[in-house]
Amino acid sequence: MTKPDLCPACGAPNDCTLADPRTADRACWCYGVSIDPAVLQALPAELRNAACLCPRCAEVEAQLQATARPIT
């Protein structure tokens, strides 16, 4: 059974704000990145749309780091 706060691919915390009742009113980090559809298709069908991937498995760590940098 997939837990909403864990990555369905690796089991690590996925940092999904929607899975945490304390932060469910905030947009998830995944809303601000572009995830390659091939990454999602690589998941077994029963794991798709069950929980957020973690940034590492979603292959978006570089995108998140780029948005976290202050604009100078």
PDB file of N, CA and C in Angstrom:
ATOM      1  N   MET A   1       0.845  -1.190   0.000  1.00  0.00           N
ATOM      2  CA  MET A   1       0.000   0.000   0.000  1.00  0.00           C
ATOM      3  C   MET A   1       0.888   1.252   0.000  1.00  0.00           C
ATOM      4  N   THR A   2       0.583   2.190  -0.870  1.00  0.00           N
ATOM      5  CA  THR A   2       1.348   3.420  -0.984  1.00  0.00           C
ATOM      6  C   THR A   2       0.878   4.423   0.054  1.00  0.00           C
ATOM      7  N   LYS A   3       1.834   5.070   0.718  1.00  0.00           N
ATOM      8  CA  LYS A   3       1.512   6.116   1.685  1.00  0.00           C
ATOM      9  C   LYS A   3       1.661   7.461   0.972  1.00  0.00           C
ATOM     10  N   PRO A   4       0.752   8.409   1.169  1.00  0.00           N
ATOM     11  CA  PRO A   4       0.792   9.670   0.426  1.00  0.00           C
ATOM     12  C   PRO A   4       2.010  10.537   0.701  1.00  0.00           C
ATOM     13  N   ASP A   5       2.698  10.309   1.817  1.00  0.00           N
ATOM     14  CA  ASP A   5       3.861  11.134   2.139  1.00  0.00           C
ATOM     15  C   ASP A   5       5.185  10.485   1.755  1.00  0.00           C
ATOM     16  N   LEU A   6       5.121   9.312   1.092  1.00  0.00           N
ATOM     17  CA  LEU A   6       6.333   8.610   0.674  1.00  0.00           C
ATOM     18  C   LEU A   6       6.344   8.435  -0.840  1.00  0.00           C
ATOM     19  N   CYS A   7       7.525   8.516  -1.405  1.00  0.00           N
ATOM     20  CA  CYS A   7       7.717   8.329  -2.843  1.00  0.00           C
ATOM     21  C   CYS A   7       7.358   6.889  -3.207  1.00  0.00           C
ATOM     22  N   PRO A   8       6.487   6.697  -4.191  1.00  0.00           N
ATOM     23  CA  PRO A   8       6.123   5.327  -4.569  1.00  0.00           C
ATOM     24  C   PRO A   8       7.261   4.578  -5.265  1.00  0.00           C
ATOM     25  N   ALA A   9       8.271   5.295  -5.739  1.00  0.00           N
ATOM     26  CA  ALA A   9       9.378   4.636  -6.435  1.00  0.00           C
ATOM     27  C   ALA A   9      10.458   4.145  -5.482  1.00  0.00           C
ATOM     28  N   CYS A  10      10.819   4.974  -4.473  1.00  0.00           N
ATOM     29  CA  CYS A  10      11.938   4.596  -3.607  1.00  0.00           C
ATOM     30  C   CYS A  10      11.569   4.495  -2.124  1.00  0.00           C
ATOM     31  N   GLY A  11      10.411   5.003  -1.733  1.00  0.00           N
ATOM     32  CA  GLY A  11       9.974   4.921  -0.339  1.00  0.00           C
ATOM     33  C   GLY A  11      10.478   6.041   0.550  1.00  0.00           C
ATOM     34  N   ALA A  12      11.249   6.983  -0.005  1.00  0.00           N
ATOM     35  CA  ALA A  12      11.754   8.120   0.776  1.00  0.00           C
ATOM     36  C   ALA A  12      10.641   9.157   0.951  1.00  0.00           C
ATOM     37  N   PRO A  13      10.770  10.044   1.945  1.00  0.00           N
ATOM     38  CA  PRO A  13       9.792  11.132   2.074  1.00  0.00           C
ATOM     39  C   PRO A  13       9.746  11.939   0.783  1.00  0.00           C
ATOM     40  N   ASN A  14       8.531  12.275   0.328  1.00  0.00           N
ATOM     41  CA  ASN A  14       8.389  12.985  -0.933  1.00  0.00           C
ATOM     42  C   ASN A  14       8.208  14.496  -0.769  1.00  0.00           C
ATOM     43  N   ASP A  15       8.154  14.977   0.476  1.00  0.00           N
ATOM     44  CA  ASP A  15       8.008  16.406   0.760  1.00  0.00           C
ATOM     45  C   ASP A  15       6.734  16.999   0.169  1.00  0.00           C
ATOM     46  N   CYS A  16       5.707  16.192  -0.013  1.00  0.00           N
ATOM     47  CA  CYS A  16       4.437  16.657  -0.572  1.00  0.00           C
ATOM     48  C   CYS A  16       3.676  17.455   0.485  1.00  0.00           C
ATOM     49  N   THR A  17       3.414  18.721   0.191  1.00  0.00           N
ATOM     50  CA  THR A  17       2.669  19.541   1.151  1.00  0.00           C
ATOM     51  C   THR A  17       1.215  19.098   1.247  1.00  0.00           C
ATOM     52  N   LEU A  18       0.683  18.530   0.177  1.00  0.00           N
ATOM     53  CA  LEU A  18      -0.714  18.101   0.182  1.00  0.00           C
ATOM     54  C   LEU A  18      -0.933  16.865   1.054  1.00  0.00           C
ATOM     55  N   ALA A  19       0.110  16.083   1.273  1.00  0.00           N
ATOM     56  CA  ALA A  19       0.003  14.868   2.089  1.00  0.00           C
ATOM     57  C   ALA A  19       0.059  15.168   3.580  1.00  0.00           C
ATOM     58  N   ASP A  20       0.469  16.369   3.943  1.00  0.00           N
ATOM     59  CA  ASP A  20       0.591  16.760   5.351  1.00  0.00           C
ATOM     60  C   ASP A  20      -0.568  17.695   5.701  1.00  0.00           C
ATOM     61  N   PRO A  21      -1.441  17.285   6.617  1.00  0.00           N
ATOM     62  CA  PRO A  21      -2.581  18.138   6.961  1.00  0.00           C
ATOM     63  C   PRO A  21      -2.184  19.544   7.424  1.00  0.00           C
ATOM     64  N   ARG A  22      -0.979  19.685   7.972  1.00  0.00           N
ATOM     65  CA  ARG A  22      -0.530  21.001   8.448  1.00  0.00           C
ATOM     66  C   ARG A  22      -0.196  21.951   7.302  1.00  0.00           C
ATOM     67  N   THR A  23       0.103  21.401   6.126  1.00  0.00           N
ATOM     68  CA  THR A  23       0.497  22.236   4.989  1.00  0.00           C
ATOM     69  C   THR A  23      -0.369  21.990   3.755  1.00  0.00           C
ATOM     70  N   ALA A  24      -1.465  21.281   3.912  1.00  0.00           N
ATOM     71  CA  ALA A  24      -2.306  20.897   2.769  1.00  0.00           C
ATOM     72  C   ALA A  24      -2.892  22.087   2.016  1.00  0.00           C
ATOM     73  N   ASP A  25      -2.876  23.267   2.619  1.00  0.00           N
ATOM     74  CA  ASP A  25      -3.407  24.447   1.935  1.00  0.00           C
ATOM     75  C   ASP A  25      -2.359  25.125   1.047  1.00  0.00           C
ATOM     76  N   ARG A  26      -1.146  24.598   1.013  1.00  0.00           N
ATOM     77  CA  ARG A  26      -0.058  25.160   0.195  1.00  0.00           C
ATOM     78  C   ARG A  26       0.145  24.321  -1.057  1.00  0.00           C
ATOM     79  N   ALA A  27       0.634  24.957  -2.104  1.00  0.00           N
ATOM     80  CA  ALA A  27       0.945  24.228  -3.340  1.00  0.00           C
ATOM     81  C   ALA A  27       2.153  23.323  -3.117  1.00  0.00           C
ATOM     82  N   CYS A  28       2.113  22.159  -3.699  1.00  0.00           N
ATOM     83  CA  CYS A  28       3.225  21.219  -3.597  1.00  0.00           C
ATOM     84  C   CYS A  28       4.386  21.689  -4.467  1.00  0.00           C
ATOM     85  N   TRP A  29       5.592  21.281  -4.118  1.00  0.00           N
ATOM     86  CA  TRP A  29       6.774  21.628  -4.897  1.00  0.00           C
ATOM     87  C   TRP A  29       6.634  21.174  -6.341  1.00  0.00           C
ATOM     88  N   CYS A  30       5.888  20.098  -6.562  1.00  0.00           N
ATOM     89  CA  CYS A  30       5.782  19.541  -7.918  1.00  0.00           C
ATOM     90  C   CYS A  30       5.001  20.446  -8.862  1.00  0.00           C
ATOM     91  N   TYR A  31       4.249  21.398  -8.321  1.00  0.00           N
ATOM     92  CA  TYR A  31       3.491  22.318  -9.178  1.00  0.00           C
ATOM     93  C   TYR A  31       4.409  23.273  -9.929  1.00  0.00           C
ATOM     94  N   GLY A  32       5.625  23.481  -9.434  1.00  0.00           N
ATOM     95  CA  GLY A  32       6.533  24.441 -10.031  1.00  0.00           C
ATOM     96  C   GLY A  32       7.628  23.832 -10.894  1.00  0.00           C
ATOM     97  N   VAL A  33       7.513  22.544 -11.209  1.00  0.00           N
ATOM     98  CA  VAL A  33       8.536  21.885 -12.024  1.00  0.00           C
ATOM     99  C   VAL A  33       7.870  21.151 -13.180  1.00  0.00           C
ATOM    100  N   SER A  34       8.684  20.752 -14.117  1.00  0.00           N
ATOM    101  CA  SER A  34       8.211  19.981 -15.257  1.00  0.00           C
ATOM    102  C   SER A  34       8.781  18.567 -15.144  1.00  0.00           C
ATOM    103  N   ILE A  35       7.904  17.591 -14.923  1.00  0.00           N
ATOM    104  CA  ILE A  35       8.326  16.197 -14.788  1.00  0.00           C
ATOM    105  C   ILE A  35       8.153  15.508 -16.140  1.00  0.00           C
ATOM    106  N   ASP A  36       9.210  14.882 -16.585  1.00  0.00           N
ATOM    107  CA  ASP A  36       9.187  14.170 -17.862  1.00  0.00           C
ATOM    108  C   ASP A  36       8.121  13.067 -17.797  1.00  0.00           C
ATOM    109  N   PRO A  37       7.177  13.045 -18.732  1.00  0.00           N
ATOM    110  CA  PRO A  37       6.150  11.998 -18.729  1.00  0.00           C
ATOM    111  C   PRO A  37       6.726  10.579 -18.744  1.00  0.00           C
ATOM    112  N   ALA A  38       7.912  10.405 -19.310  1.00  0.00           N
ATOM    113  CA  ALA A  38       8.537   9.079 -19.340  1.00  0.00           C
ATOM    114  C   ALA A  38       8.862   8.584 -17.932  1.00  0.00           C
ATOM    115  N   VAL A  39       9.188   9.510 -17.034  1.00  0.00           N
ATOM    116  CA  VAL A  39       9.468   9.137 -15.646  1.00  0.00           C
ATOM    117  C   VAL A  39       8.205   8.555 -15.013  1.00  0.00           C
ATOM    118  N   LEU A  40       7.085   9.202 -15.259  1.00  0.00           N
ATOM    119  CA  LEU A  40       5.816   8.721 -14.695  1.00  0.00           C
ATOM    120  C   LEU A  40       5.395   7.402 -15.338  1.00  0.00           C
ATOM    121  N   GLN A  41       5.585   7.280 -16.635  1.00  0.00           N
ATOM    122  CA  GLN A  41       5.218   6.047 -17.331  1.00  0.00           C
ATOM    123  C   GLN A  41       6.076   4.866 -16.897  1.00  0.00           C
ATOM    124  N   ALA A  42       7.269   5.140 -16.379  1.00  0.00           N
ATOM    125  CA  ALA A  42       8.155   4.063 -15.929  1.00  0.00           C
ATOM    126  C   ALA A  42       7.663   3.423 -14.633  1.00  0.00           C
ATOM    127  N   LEU A  43       6.783   4.107 -13.919  1.00  0.00           N
ATOM    128  CA  LEU A  43       6.222   3.537 -12.691  1.00  0.00           C
ATOM    129  C   LEU A  43       5.231   2.430 -13.031  1.00  0.00           C
ATOM    130  N   PRO A  44       5.163   1.396 -12.220  1.00  0.00           N
ATOM    131  CA  PRO A  44       4.107   0.406 -12.427  1.00  0.00           C
ATOM    132  C   PRO A  44       2.734   1.087 -12.350  1.00  0.00           C
ATOM    133  N   ALA A  45       1.797   0.643 -13.139  1.00  0.00           N
ATOM    134  CA  ALA A  45       0.478   1.271 -13.237  1.00  0.00           C
ATOM    135  C   ALA A  45      -0.186   1.456 -11.873  1.00  0.00           C
ATOM    136  N   GLU A  46      -0.010   0.488 -10.974  1.00  0.00           N
ATOM    137  CA  GLU A  46      -0.684   0.571  -9.673  1.00  0.00           C
ATOM    138  C   GLU A  46      -0.090   1.658  -8.765  1.00  0.00           C
ATOM    139  N   LEU A  47       1.096   2.163  -9.099  1.00  0.00           N
ATOM    140  CA  LEU A  47       1.723   3.213  -8.295  1.00  0.00           C
ATOM    141  C   LEU A  47       1.487   4.613  -8.856  1.00  0.00           C
ATOM    142  N   ARG A  48       1.027   4.710 -10.093  1.00  0.00           N
ATOM    143  CA  ARG A  48       0.774   6.023 -10.699  1.00  0.00           C
ATOM    144  C   ARG A  48      -0.414   6.686 -10.040  1.00  0.00           C
ATOM    145  N   ASN A  49      -0.299   7.981  -9.829  1.00  0.00           N
ATOM    146  CA  ASN A  49      -1.359   8.802  -9.235  1.00  0.00           C
ATOM    147  C   ASN A  49      -1.716   8.384  -7.813  1.00  0.00           C
ATOM    148  N   ALA A  50      -0.816   7.670  -7.138  1.00  0.00           N
ATOM    149  CA  ALA A  50      -1.062   7.243  -5.764  1.00  0.00           C
ATOM    150  C   ALA A  50      -0.390   8.176  -4.762  1.00  0.00           C
ATOM    151  N   ALA A  51       0.755   8.741  -5.140  1.00  0.00           N
ATOM    152  CA  ALA A  51       1.509   9.638  -4.264  1.00  0.00           C
ATOM    153  C   ALA A  51       2.542  10.361  -5.116  1.00  0.00           C
ATOM    154  N   CYS A  52       3.011  11.502  -4.608  1.00  0.00           N
ATOM    155  CA  CYS A  52       4.065  12.242  -5.309  1.00  0.00           C
ATOM    156  C   CYS A  52       5.363  11.456  -5.291  1.00  0.00           C
ATOM    157  N   LEU A  53       6.106  11.564  -6.380  1.00  0.00           N
ATOM    158  CA  LEU A  53       7.482  11.090  -6.379  1.00  0.00           C
ATOM    159  C   LEU A  53       8.302  12.053  -5.533  1.00  0.00           C
ATOM    160  N   CYS A  54       9.441  11.611  -5.055  1.00  0.00           N
ATOM    161  CA  CYS A  54      10.371  12.536  -4.407  1.00  0.00           C
ATOM    162  C   CYS A  54      11.091  13.307  -5.513  1.00  0.00           C
ATOM    163  N   PRO A  55      11.682  14.463  -5.218  1.00  0.00           N
ATOM    164  CA  PRO A  55      12.382  15.228  -6.258  1.00  0.00           C
ATOM    165  C   PRO A  55      13.465  14.426  -6.982  1.00  0.00           C
ATOM    166  N   ARG A  56      14.163  13.540  -6.268  1.00  0.00           N
ATOM    167  CA  ARG A  56      15.213  12.742  -6.908  1.00  0.00           C
ATOM    168  C   ARG A  56      14.619  11.795  -7.938  1.00  0.00           C
ATOM    169  N   CYS A  57      13.588  11.048  -7.565  1.00  0.00           N
ATOM    170  CA  CYS A  57      12.985  10.096  -8.503  1.00  0.00           C
ATOM    171  C   CYS A  57      12.254  10.809  -9.642  1.00  0.00           C
ATOM    172  N   ALA A  58      11.735  11.995  -9.370  1.00  0.00           N
ATOM    173  CA  ALA A  58      11.078  12.778 -10.414  1.00  0.00           C
ATOM    174  C   ALA A  58      12.089  13.429 -11.348  1.00  0.00           C
ATOM    175  N   GLU A  59      13.365  13.344 -10.972  1.00  0.00           N
ATOM    176  CA  GLU A  59      14.466  13.899 -11.762  1.00  0.00           C
ATOM    177  C   GLU A  59      14.317  15.408 -11.968  1.00  0.00           C
ATOM    178  N   VAL A  60      13.962  16.116 -10.882  1.00  0.00           N
ATOM    179  CA  VAL A  60      13.753  17.568 -10.968  1.00  0.00           C
ATOM    180  C   VAL A  60      14.589  18.344  -9.948  1.00  0.00           C
ATOM    181  N   GLU A  61      15.559  17.698  -9.330  1.00  0.00           N
ATOM    182  CA  GLU A  61      16.351  18.394  -8.311  1.00  0.00           C
ATOM    183  C   GLU A  61      17.004  19.655  -8.863  1.00  0.00           C
ATOM    184  N   ALA A  62      17.515  19.607 -10.084  1.00  0.00           N
ATOM    185  CA  ALA A  62      18.162  20.787 -10.673  1.00  0.00           C
ATOM    186  C   ALA A  62      17.158  21.914 -10.867  1.00  0.00           C
ATOM    187  N   GLN A  63      15.938  21.580 -11.259  1.00  0.00           N
ATOM    188  CA  GLN A  63      14.897  22.601 -11.427  1.00  0.00           C
ATOM    189  C   GLN A  63      14.582  23.272 -10.087  1.00  0.00           C
ATOM    190  N   LEU A  64      14.486  22.470  -9.039  1.00  0.00           N
ATOM    191  CA  LEU A  64      14.177  23.020  -7.722  1.00  0.00           C
ATOM    192  C   LEU A  64      15.313  23.896  -7.211  1.00  0.00           C
ATOM    193  N   GLN A  65      16.542  23.490  -7.456  1.00  0.00           N
ATOM    194  CA  GLN A  65      17.685  24.304  -7.030  1.00  0.00           C
ATOM    195  C   GLN A  65      17.717  25.607  -7.799  1.00  0.00           C
ATOM    196  N   ALA A  66      17.381  25.592  -9.066  1.00  0.00           N
ATOM    197  CA  ALA A  66      17.376  26.808  -9.879  1.00  0.00           C
ATOM    198  C   ALA A  66      16.331  27.801  -9.392  1.00  0.00           C
ATOM    199  N   THR A  67      15.172  27.316  -8.963  1.00  0.00           N
ATOM    200  CA  THR A  67      14.128  28.221  -8.480  1.00  0.00           C
ATOM    201  C   THR A  67      14.410  28.709  -7.084  1.00  0.00           C
ATOM    202  N   ALA A  68      15.270  28.002  -6.332  1.00  0.00           N
ATOM    203  CA  ALA A  68      15.574  28.406  -4.967  1.00  0.00           C
ATOM    204  C   ALA A  68      16.663  29.486  -4.921  1.00  0.00           C
ATOM    205  N   ARG A  69      17.406  29.661  -6.006  1.00  0.00           N
ATOM    206  CA  ARG A  69      18.472  30.662  -6.033  1.00  0.00           C
ATOM    207  C   ARG A  69      17.884  32.064  -6.085  1.00  0.00           C
ATOM    208  N   PRO A  70      18.441  32.956  -5.293  1.00  0.00           N
ATOM    209  CA  PRO A  70      17.960  34.352  -5.365  1.00  0.00           C
ATOM    210  C   PRO A  70      18.362  34.977  -6.704  1.00  0.00           C
ATOM    211  N   ILE A  71      17.492  35.788  -7.222  1.00  0.00           N
ATOM    212  CA  ILE A  71      17.766  36.496  -8.471  1.00  0.00           C
ATOM    213  C   ILE A  71      18.628  37.703  -8.154  1.00  0.00           C
ATOM    214  N   THR A  72      19.762  37.832  -8.859  1.00  0.00           N
ATOM    215  CA  THR A  72      20.656  38.955  -8.613  1.00  0.00           C
ATOM    216  C   THR A  72      20.725  39.866  -9.800  1.00  0.00           C
TER     217      THR A  72
END
